[in-house]
N, C-alpha and C. Protein backbone atom coordinates (compact mmCIF):
# COMPACT_ATOMS: atom_id res chain seq x y z
N UNK A 1 0.85 -1.17 0.00
CA UNK A 1 0.00 0.00 0.00
C UNK A 1 0.90 1.23 0.00
N UNK A 2 0.58 2.20 -0.83
CA UNK A 2 1.35 3.44 -0.91
C UNK A 2 0.43 4.62 -0.68
N UNK A 3 0.88 5.59 0.12
CA UNK A 3 0.14 6.82 0.36
C UNK A 3 0.89 7.97 -0.28
N UNK A 4 0.18 8.82 -0.96
CA UNK A 4 0.76 10.04 -1.50
C UNK A 4 0.13 11.20 -0.75
N UNK A 5 0.95 12.01 -0.12
CA UNK A 5 0.45 13.10 0.71
C UNK A 5 0.98 14.42 0.18
N UNK A 6 0.08 15.37 0.00
CA UNK A 6 0.46 16.70 -0.46
C UNK A 6 -0.04 17.72 0.56
N UNK A 7 0.83 18.63 0.98
CA UNK A 7 0.46 19.72 1.89
C UNK A 7 -0.23 19.23 3.16
N UNK A 8 0.43 18.38 3.89
CA UNK A 8 -0.15 17.82 5.11
C UNK A 8 0.89 17.89 6.21
N UNK A 9 0.46 18.28 7.42
CA UNK A 9 1.40 18.39 8.53
C UNK A 9 1.47 17.12 9.38
N UNK A 10 0.41 16.33 9.37
CA UNK A 10 0.39 15.07 10.11
C UNK A 10 -0.62 14.16 9.46
N UNK A 11 -0.64 12.91 9.90
CA UNK A 11 -1.46 11.89 9.27
C UNK A 11 -2.03 11.00 10.36
N UNK A 12 -3.32 10.68 10.28
CA UNK A 12 -3.97 9.82 11.27
C UNK A 12 -4.55 8.61 10.55
N UNK A 13 -4.16 7.42 10.97
CA UNK A 13 -4.68 6.20 10.37
C UNK A 13 -4.39 5.01 11.26
N UNK A 14 -4.96 3.88 10.90
CA UNK A 14 -4.67 2.64 11.58
C UNK A 14 -4.97 1.49 10.65
N UNK A 15 -4.03 0.61 10.47
CA UNK A 15 -4.21 -0.54 9.60
C UNK A 15 -3.85 -1.77 10.42
N UNK A 16 -4.73 -2.75 10.45
CA UNK A 16 -4.48 -3.98 11.18
C UNK A 16 -4.44 -5.14 10.20
N UNK A 17 -3.41 -5.96 10.29
CA UNK A 17 -3.32 -7.16 9.46
C UNK A 17 -2.79 -8.29 10.33
N UNK A 18 -2.84 -9.50 9.81
CA UNK A 18 -2.28 -10.67 10.49
C UNK A 18 -2.67 -10.74 11.96
N UNK A 19 -3.88 -11.13 12.21
CA UNK A 19 -4.39 -11.29 13.56
C UNK A 19 -4.32 -10.00 14.38
N UNK A 20 -4.69 -8.92 13.76
CA UNK A 20 -4.82 -7.63 14.42
C UNK A 20 -3.50 -7.06 14.94
N UNK A 21 -2.44 -7.20 14.18
CA UNK A 21 -1.18 -6.55 14.52
C UNK A 21 -1.05 -5.28 13.68
N UNK A 22 -0.51 -4.21 14.25
CA UNK A 22 -0.34 -3.00 13.45
C UNK A 22 0.69 -3.24 12.35
N UNK A 23 0.45 -2.69 11.19
CA UNK A 23 1.31 -2.87 10.02
C UNK A 23 2.22 -1.66 9.84
N UNK A 24 3.47 -1.89 9.46
CA UNK A 24 4.45 -0.81 9.31
C UNK A 24 4.18 -0.03 8.01
N UNK A 25 3.67 1.18 8.16
CA UNK A 25 3.39 2.03 7.00
C UNK A 25 3.63 3.48 7.38
N UNK A 26 4.86 3.85 7.63
CA UNK A 26 5.20 5.21 8.04
C UNK A 26 5.97 5.88 6.92
N UNK A 27 5.61 7.11 6.61
CA UNK A 27 6.35 7.92 5.65
C UNK A 27 7.24 8.87 6.42
N UNK A 28 7.24 10.14 6.06
CA UNK A 28 8.05 11.12 6.76
C UNK A 28 7.24 12.04 7.65
N UNK A 29 5.96 11.80 7.77
CA UNK A 29 5.08 12.68 8.55
C UNK A 29 4.83 12.14 9.95
N UNK A 30 4.60 13.04 10.93
CA UNK A 30 4.17 12.56 12.25
C UNK A 30 2.84 11.81 12.09
N UNK A 31 2.77 10.61 12.62
CA UNK A 31 1.58 9.79 12.42
C UNK A 31 0.93 9.39 13.75
N UNK A 32 -0.39 9.42 13.74
CA UNK A 32 -1.20 8.97 14.87
C UNK A 32 -1.92 7.70 14.47
N UNK A 33 -1.84 6.67 15.29
CA UNK A 33 -2.58 5.44 15.05
C UNK A 33 -3.95 5.60 15.70
N UNK A 34 -5.02 5.44 14.92
CA UNK A 34 -6.36 5.71 15.46
C UNK A 34 -6.91 4.54 16.25
N UNK A 35 -8.19 4.59 16.55
CA UNK A 35 -8.80 3.64 17.48
C UNK A 35 -8.86 2.21 16.99
N UNK A 36 -8.34 1.92 15.83
CA UNK A 36 -8.17 0.51 15.45
C UNK A 36 -7.33 -0.19 16.52
N UNK A 37 -6.52 0.58 17.21
CA UNK A 37 -5.70 0.06 18.31
C UNK A 37 -6.56 -0.64 19.35
N UNK A 38 -7.79 -0.17 19.55
CA UNK A 38 -8.67 -0.76 20.57
C UNK A 38 -9.17 -2.14 20.18
N UNK A 39 -8.86 -2.59 18.97
CA UNK A 39 -9.23 -3.94 18.53
C UNK A 39 -8.07 -4.93 18.69
N UNK A 40 -6.90 -4.43 19.06
CA UNK A 40 -5.71 -5.28 19.19
C UNK A 40 -5.84 -6.14 20.45
N UNK A 41 -5.44 -7.41 20.32
CA UNK A 41 -5.59 -8.36 21.42
C UNK A 41 -4.68 -8.06 22.61
N UNK A 42 -3.48 -7.55 22.37
CA UNK A 42 -2.52 -7.34 23.45
C UNK A 42 -1.97 -5.91 23.39
N UNK A 43 -2.77 -4.92 23.80
CA UNK A 43 -2.34 -3.53 23.65
C UNK A 43 -1.08 -3.16 24.44
N UNK A 44 -0.86 -3.75 25.60
CA UNK A 44 0.32 -3.42 26.38
C UNK A 44 1.61 -3.90 25.70
N UNK A 45 1.52 -4.94 24.92
CA UNK A 45 2.67 -5.42 24.14
C UNK A 45 2.77 -4.63 22.83
N UNK A 46 1.65 -4.46 22.16
CA UNK A 46 1.67 -3.86 20.83
C UNK A 46 1.90 -2.35 20.84
N UNK A 47 1.77 -1.69 21.98
CA UNK A 47 2.14 -0.27 22.05
C UNK A 47 3.63 -0.14 21.73
N UNK A 48 4.42 -1.15 22.12
CA UNK A 48 5.86 -1.15 21.81
C UNK A 48 6.09 -1.26 20.31
N UNK A 49 5.23 -1.99 19.61
CA UNK A 49 5.34 -2.09 18.15
C UNK A 49 5.10 -0.74 17.51
N UNK A 50 4.08 -0.02 17.98
CA UNK A 50 3.81 1.31 17.43
C UNK A 50 4.98 2.26 17.67
N UNK A 51 5.59 2.16 18.84
CA UNK A 51 6.76 2.99 19.14
C UNK A 51 7.91 2.63 18.19
N UNK A 52 8.13 1.34 18.03
CA UNK A 52 9.23 0.85 17.20
C UNK A 52 9.10 1.30 15.74
N UNK A 53 7.89 1.30 15.20
CA UNK A 53 7.74 1.65 13.79
C UNK A 53 7.52 3.15 13.57
N UNK A 54 7.52 3.92 14.65
CA UNK A 54 7.59 5.36 14.50
C UNK A 54 6.34 6.19 14.67
N UNK A 55 5.27 5.61 15.18
CA UNK A 55 4.09 6.43 15.46
C UNK A 55 4.40 7.40 16.59
N UNK A 56 3.87 8.62 16.50
CA UNK A 56 4.13 9.60 17.56
C UNK A 56 3.00 9.62 18.59
N UNK A 57 1.83 9.07 18.24
CA UNK A 57 0.73 9.06 19.20
C UNK A 57 -0.25 7.95 18.81
N UNK A 58 -1.05 7.53 19.80
CA UNK A 58 -2.09 6.54 19.56
C UNK A 58 -3.38 7.03 20.22
N UNK A 59 -4.46 7.03 19.44
CA UNK A 59 -5.79 7.39 19.95
C UNK A 59 -6.43 6.12 20.48
N UNK A 60 -6.84 6.14 21.74
CA UNK A 60 -7.40 4.94 22.34
C UNK A 60 -8.47 5.27 23.38
N UNK A 61 -9.42 4.35 23.48
CA UNK A 61 -10.43 4.43 24.54
C UNK A 61 -10.12 3.40 25.62
N UNK A 62 -8.90 2.85 25.56
CA UNK A 62 -8.55 1.80 26.53
C UNK A 62 -9.30 0.52 26.25
N UNK A 63 -9.59 0.28 24.98
CA UNK A 63 -10.29 -0.93 24.51
C UNK A 63 -11.71 -1.06 25.07
N UNK A 64 -12.30 0.04 25.44
CA UNK A 64 -13.69 0.05 25.93
C UNK A 64 -14.52 1.01 25.07
N UNK A 65 -15.80 1.07 25.32
CA UNK A 65 -16.69 1.94 24.55
C UNK A 65 -16.38 3.42 24.78
N UNK A 66 -15.87 3.76 25.96
CA UNK A 66 -15.50 5.15 26.24
C UNK A 66 -14.16 5.18 26.96
N UNK A 67 -13.49 6.30 26.87
CA UNK A 67 -12.19 6.45 27.53
C UNK A 67 -12.32 6.38 29.05
N UNK A 68 -13.42 6.86 29.58
CA UNK A 68 -13.64 6.77 31.04
C UNK A 68 -13.72 5.31 31.46
N UNK A 69 -14.47 4.49 30.70
CA UNK A 69 -14.58 3.06 31.01
C UNK A 69 -13.22 2.37 30.88
N UNK A 70 -12.40 2.82 29.92
CA UNK A 70 -11.10 2.21 29.68
C UNK A 70 -9.95 2.91 30.38
N UNK A 71 -10.24 3.74 31.35
CA UNK A 71 -9.20 4.56 31.98
C UNK A 71 -8.09 3.75 32.64
N UNK A 72 -8.39 2.57 33.17
CA UNK A 72 -7.33 1.79 33.82
C UNK A 72 -6.31 1.32 32.79
N UNK A 73 -6.76 0.88 31.61
CA UNK A 73 -5.82 0.47 30.57
C UNK A 73 -5.09 1.69 30.00
N UNK A 74 -5.77 2.81 29.84
CA UNK A 74 -5.13 4.03 29.35
C UNK A 74 -3.99 4.42 30.29
N UNK A 75 -4.21 4.33 31.58
CA UNK A 75 -3.15 4.64 32.56
C UNK A 75 -1.98 3.68 32.39
N UNK A 76 -2.26 2.39 32.24
CA UNK A 76 -1.18 1.40 32.05
C UNK A 76 -0.41 1.69 30.76
N UNK A 77 -1.13 2.02 29.70
CA UNK A 77 -0.47 2.35 28.43
C UNK A 77 0.42 3.58 28.58
N UNK A 78 -0.09 4.57 29.28
CA UNK A 78 0.68 5.80 29.50
C UNK A 78 1.95 5.49 30.30
N UNK A 79 1.84 4.60 31.27
CA UNK A 79 3.00 4.21 32.07
C UNK A 79 4.02 3.45 31.22
N UNK A 80 3.52 2.53 30.37
CA UNK A 80 4.40 1.75 29.49
C UNK A 80 5.05 2.64 28.44
N UNK A 81 4.33 3.63 27.95
CA UNK A 81 4.84 4.51 26.88
C UNK A 81 6.02 5.35 27.33
N UNK A 82 6.06 5.73 28.61
CA UNK A 82 7.17 6.50 29.18
C UNK A 82 7.61 7.66 28.28
N UNK A 83 6.64 8.34 27.66
CA UNK A 83 6.95 9.49 26.83
C UNK A 83 7.46 9.17 25.45
N UNK A 84 7.59 7.89 25.09
CA UNK A 84 8.08 7.51 23.77
C UNK A 84 6.99 7.61 22.71
N UNK A 85 5.74 7.61 23.14
CA UNK A 85 4.59 7.79 22.27
C UNK A 85 3.52 8.49 23.12
N UNK A 86 2.78 9.38 22.51
CA UNK A 86 1.72 10.10 23.23
C UNK A 86 0.46 9.25 23.25
N UNK A 87 -0.10 9.06 24.42
CA UNK A 87 -1.37 8.36 24.55
C UNK A 87 -2.46 9.42 24.50
N UNK A 88 -3.28 9.37 23.47
CA UNK A 88 -4.36 10.31 23.24
C UNK A 88 -5.67 9.63 23.63
N UNK A 89 -6.22 9.99 24.78
CA UNK A 89 -7.45 9.36 25.28
C UNK A 89 -8.65 9.95 24.58
N UNK A 90 -9.49 9.10 24.00
CA UNK A 90 -10.66 9.59 23.29
C UNK A 90 -11.78 8.58 23.27
N UNK A 91 -12.98 9.07 23.08
CA UNK A 91 -14.26 8.34 23.00
C UNK A 91 -15.09 8.70 24.22
N UNK A 92 -16.12 9.45 23.99
CA UNK A 92 -17.02 9.83 25.07
C UNK A 92 -16.46 10.89 26.00
N UNK A 93 -15.42 11.59 25.57
CA UNK A 93 -14.80 12.62 26.41
C UNK A 93 -15.63 13.90 26.33
N UNK A 94 -16.05 14.36 27.49
CA UNK A 94 -16.91 15.55 27.59
C UNK A 94 -16.40 16.44 28.72
N UNK A 95 -16.98 17.62 28.82
CA UNK A 95 -16.60 18.54 29.89
C UNK A 95 -16.89 17.94 31.27
N UNK A 96 -17.86 17.07 31.34
CA UNK A 96 -18.25 16.47 32.62
C UNK A 96 -17.28 15.39 33.10
N UNK A 97 -16.39 14.90 32.21
CA UNK A 97 -15.49 13.82 32.63
C UNK A 97 -14.03 14.03 32.25
N UNK A 98 -13.71 15.09 31.52
CA UNK A 98 -12.34 15.26 31.01
C UNK A 98 -11.31 15.43 32.12
N UNK A 99 -11.61 16.20 33.14
CA UNK A 99 -10.66 16.44 34.22
C UNK A 99 -10.36 15.14 34.98
N UNK A 100 -11.41 14.41 35.32
CA UNK A 100 -11.24 13.13 36.00
C UNK A 100 -10.41 12.17 35.14
N UNK A 101 -10.67 12.13 33.85
CA UNK A 101 -9.94 11.24 32.94
C UNK A 101 -8.45 11.58 32.92
N UNK A 102 -8.13 12.86 32.81
CA UNK A 102 -6.73 13.29 32.79
C UNK A 102 -6.05 12.97 34.11
N UNK A 103 -6.72 13.24 35.21
CA UNK A 103 -6.13 12.97 36.53
C UNK A 103 -5.93 11.47 36.77
N UNK A 104 -6.89 10.65 36.37
CA UNK A 104 -6.80 9.20 36.60
C UNK A 104 -5.74 8.53 35.73
N UNK A 105 -5.56 9.02 34.51
CA UNK A 105 -4.69 8.33 33.55
C UNK A 105 -3.31 8.95 33.40
N UNK A 106 -3.20 10.24 33.70
CA UNK A 106 -1.94 10.93 33.51
C UNK A 106 -1.66 11.35 32.08
N UNK A 107 -2.64 11.20 31.19
CA UNK A 107 -2.43 11.60 29.79
C UNK A 107 -2.27 13.11 29.68
N UNK A 108 -1.54 13.53 28.66
CA UNK A 108 -1.33 14.95 28.40
C UNK A 108 -2.24 15.46 27.29
N UNK A 109 -2.88 14.54 26.56
CA UNK A 109 -3.76 14.92 25.46
C UNK A 109 -5.05 14.11 25.51
N UNK A 110 -6.15 14.78 25.15
CA UNK A 110 -7.45 14.11 25.02
C UNK A 110 -8.05 14.47 23.67
N UNK A 111 -8.97 13.64 23.22
CA UNK A 111 -9.67 13.88 21.95
C UNK A 111 -11.16 13.85 22.24
N UNK A 112 -11.88 14.82 21.70
CA UNK A 112 -13.33 14.87 21.87
C UNK A 112 -13.96 15.46 20.62
N UNK A 113 -15.10 14.91 20.24
CA UNK A 113 -15.86 15.53 19.15
C UNK A 113 -16.64 16.73 19.69
N UNK A 114 -16.85 16.78 20.99
CA UNK A 114 -17.64 17.84 21.64
C UNK A 114 -18.97 18.01 20.92
N UNK A 115 -19.54 16.88 20.51
CA UNK A 115 -20.72 16.96 19.65
C UNK A 115 -22.01 17.20 20.42
N UNK A 116 -22.90 17.88 19.72
CA UNK A 116 -24.26 18.12 20.19
C UNK A 116 -25.21 17.81 19.03
N UNK A 117 -26.41 17.48 19.38
CA UNK A 117 -27.42 17.14 18.37
C UNK A 117 -28.24 18.37 18.04
N UNK A 118 -28.38 18.65 16.76
CA UNK A 118 -29.15 19.80 16.32
C UNK A 118 -30.14 19.42 15.24
N UNK A 119 -30.96 20.35 14.84
CA UNK A 119 -31.97 20.12 13.80
C UNK A 119 -31.30 20.00 12.44
N UNK A 120 -31.70 19.02 11.69
CA UNK A 120 -31.18 18.79 10.35
C UNK A 120 -32.07 19.51 9.35
N UNK A 121 -31.46 20.25 8.47
CA UNK A 121 -32.20 20.96 7.41
C UNK A 121 -31.86 20.30 6.08
N UNK A 122 -32.68 19.34 5.65
CA UNK A 122 -32.34 18.55 4.47
C UNK A 122 -32.17 19.38 3.20
N UNK A 123 -32.80 20.52 3.12
CA UNK A 123 -32.68 21.34 1.92
C UNK A 123 -31.27 21.90 1.74
N UNK A 124 -30.46 21.86 2.80
CA UNK A 124 -29.10 22.38 2.73
C UNK A 124 -28.07 21.32 2.35
N UNK A 125 -28.48 20.06 2.32
CA UNK A 125 -27.52 18.98 2.14
C UNK A 125 -27.92 18.06 1.01
N UNK A 126 -26.97 17.20 0.64
CA UNK A 126 -27.17 16.21 -0.41
C UNK A 126 -28.35 15.30 -0.04
N UNK A 127 -29.13 14.95 -1.03
CA UNK A 127 -30.28 14.05 -0.80
C UNK A 127 -29.83 12.60 -0.89
N UNK A 128 -30.29 11.78 0.03
CA UNK A 128 -30.03 10.36 -0.02
C UNK A 128 -28.87 9.88 0.84
N UNK A 129 -27.92 10.72 1.14
CA UNK A 129 -26.79 10.31 1.97
C UNK A 129 -27.00 10.83 3.39
N UNK A 130 -27.06 9.92 4.34
CA UNK A 130 -27.30 10.31 5.73
C UNK A 130 -26.09 9.98 6.59
N UNK A 131 -25.79 10.83 7.53
CA UNK A 131 -24.74 10.56 8.52
C UNK A 131 -25.42 9.99 9.75
N UNK A 132 -24.90 8.91 10.27
CA UNK A 132 -25.50 8.31 11.46
C UNK A 132 -26.53 7.26 11.10
N UNK A 133 -27.41 6.97 12.04
CA UNK A 133 -28.42 5.93 11.86
C UNK A 133 -29.68 6.50 11.24
N UNK A 134 -30.58 5.64 10.85
CA UNK A 134 -31.83 6.08 10.26
C UNK A 134 -32.66 6.90 11.26
N UNK A 135 -32.50 6.60 12.55
CA UNK A 135 -33.22 7.38 13.57
C UNK A 135 -32.72 8.82 13.63
N UNK A 136 -31.49 9.04 13.15
CA UNK A 136 -30.89 10.38 13.19
C UNK A 136 -31.22 11.21 11.95
N UNK A 137 -32.07 10.70 11.08
CA UNK A 137 -32.30 11.35 9.79
C UNK A 137 -32.81 12.79 9.93
N UNK A 138 -33.49 13.13 11.01
CA UNK A 138 -34.00 14.49 11.19
C UNK A 138 -33.08 15.36 12.05
N UNK A 139 -31.90 14.84 12.37
CA UNK A 139 -30.96 15.56 13.21
C UNK A 139 -29.57 15.53 12.59
N UNK A 140 -28.74 16.44 13.02
CA UNK A 140 -27.35 16.46 12.61
C UNK A 140 -26.51 16.72 13.86
N UNK A 141 -25.35 16.09 13.92
CA UNK A 141 -24.44 16.32 15.04
C UNK A 141 -23.41 17.36 14.62
N UNK A 142 -23.06 18.23 15.52
CA UNK A 142 -22.08 19.27 15.23
C UNK A 142 -21.22 19.49 16.47
N UNK A 143 -20.05 20.06 16.25
CA UNK A 143 -19.16 20.39 17.37
C UNK A 143 -19.68 21.63 18.06
N UNK A 144 -19.88 21.52 19.35
CA UNK A 144 -20.41 22.62 20.15
C UNK A 144 -19.28 23.49 20.69
N UNK A 145 -19.27 24.74 20.28
CA UNK A 145 -18.28 25.69 20.80
C UNK A 145 -18.41 25.81 22.32
N UNK A 146 -19.63 25.74 22.82
CA UNK A 146 -19.85 25.84 24.27
C UNK A 146 -19.23 24.65 25.01
N UNK A 147 -19.38 23.45 24.45
CA UNK A 147 -18.78 22.26 25.07
C UNK A 147 -17.26 22.37 25.07
N UNK A 148 -16.69 22.87 23.99
CA UNK A 148 -15.23 23.06 23.92
C UNK A 148 -14.79 24.06 24.99
N UNK A 149 -15.52 25.16 25.14
CA UNK A 149 -15.19 26.16 26.17
C UNK A 149 -15.26 25.55 27.57
N UNK A 150 -16.28 24.73 27.81
CA UNK A 150 -16.42 24.08 29.11
C UNK A 150 -15.26 23.13 29.39
N UNK A 151 -14.83 22.38 28.37
CA UNK A 151 -13.70 21.47 28.56
C UNK A 151 -12.42 22.26 28.83
N UNK A 152 -12.20 23.34 28.09
CA UNK A 152 -11.02 24.18 28.33
C UNK A 152 -11.02 24.73 29.75
N UNK A 153 -12.20 25.14 30.22
CA UNK A 153 -12.30 25.67 31.58
C UNK A 153 -11.99 24.59 32.61
N UNK A 154 -12.53 23.40 32.42
CA UNK A 154 -12.27 22.28 33.34
C UNK A 154 -10.78 21.97 33.41
N UNK A 155 -10.13 21.96 32.26
CA UNK A 155 -8.74 21.55 32.19
C UNK A 155 -7.77 22.68 32.55
N UNK A 156 -8.26 23.89 32.64
CA UNK A 156 -7.38 25.02 32.99
C UNK A 156 -6.90 24.94 34.43
N UNK A 157 -7.52 24.08 35.22
CA UNK A 157 -7.14 23.93 36.64
C UNK A 157 -5.99 22.95 36.86
N UNK A 158 -5.50 22.37 35.80
CA UNK A 158 -4.42 21.36 35.92
C UNK A 158 -3.08 22.07 35.98
């Protein structure tokens, strides 16, 4: 597999092959391995593989549905990483839990969509292609500036 990148400062991806092992595909850009990592059978061992092949960060929920649920594994990963790779905690991160997550895990970075549900105006968008489930057809999710402000305020106390 070959990637051609033009005018890009970093790259985020995750490829799993051969029984869910990360595959070596690094170019010259700083790379983040995405949540495909949460499907790996032995994350405490395979974090070393990501370090070895040159990833600078890994996005993980600690192999759970949310980063809060996976916080114990995220902490272990952060301890194993010893600064050689950034552990980026993500999935379900909100202003209501971000401070607790950072304190419990010791991570320096978090990822959040900060999403909120709003009214969908179908006349403004392509017909036939829907984001989300069929139940979401009358709604659209968007990043809430207010949620981002609340998270920044929560984390400003660290």
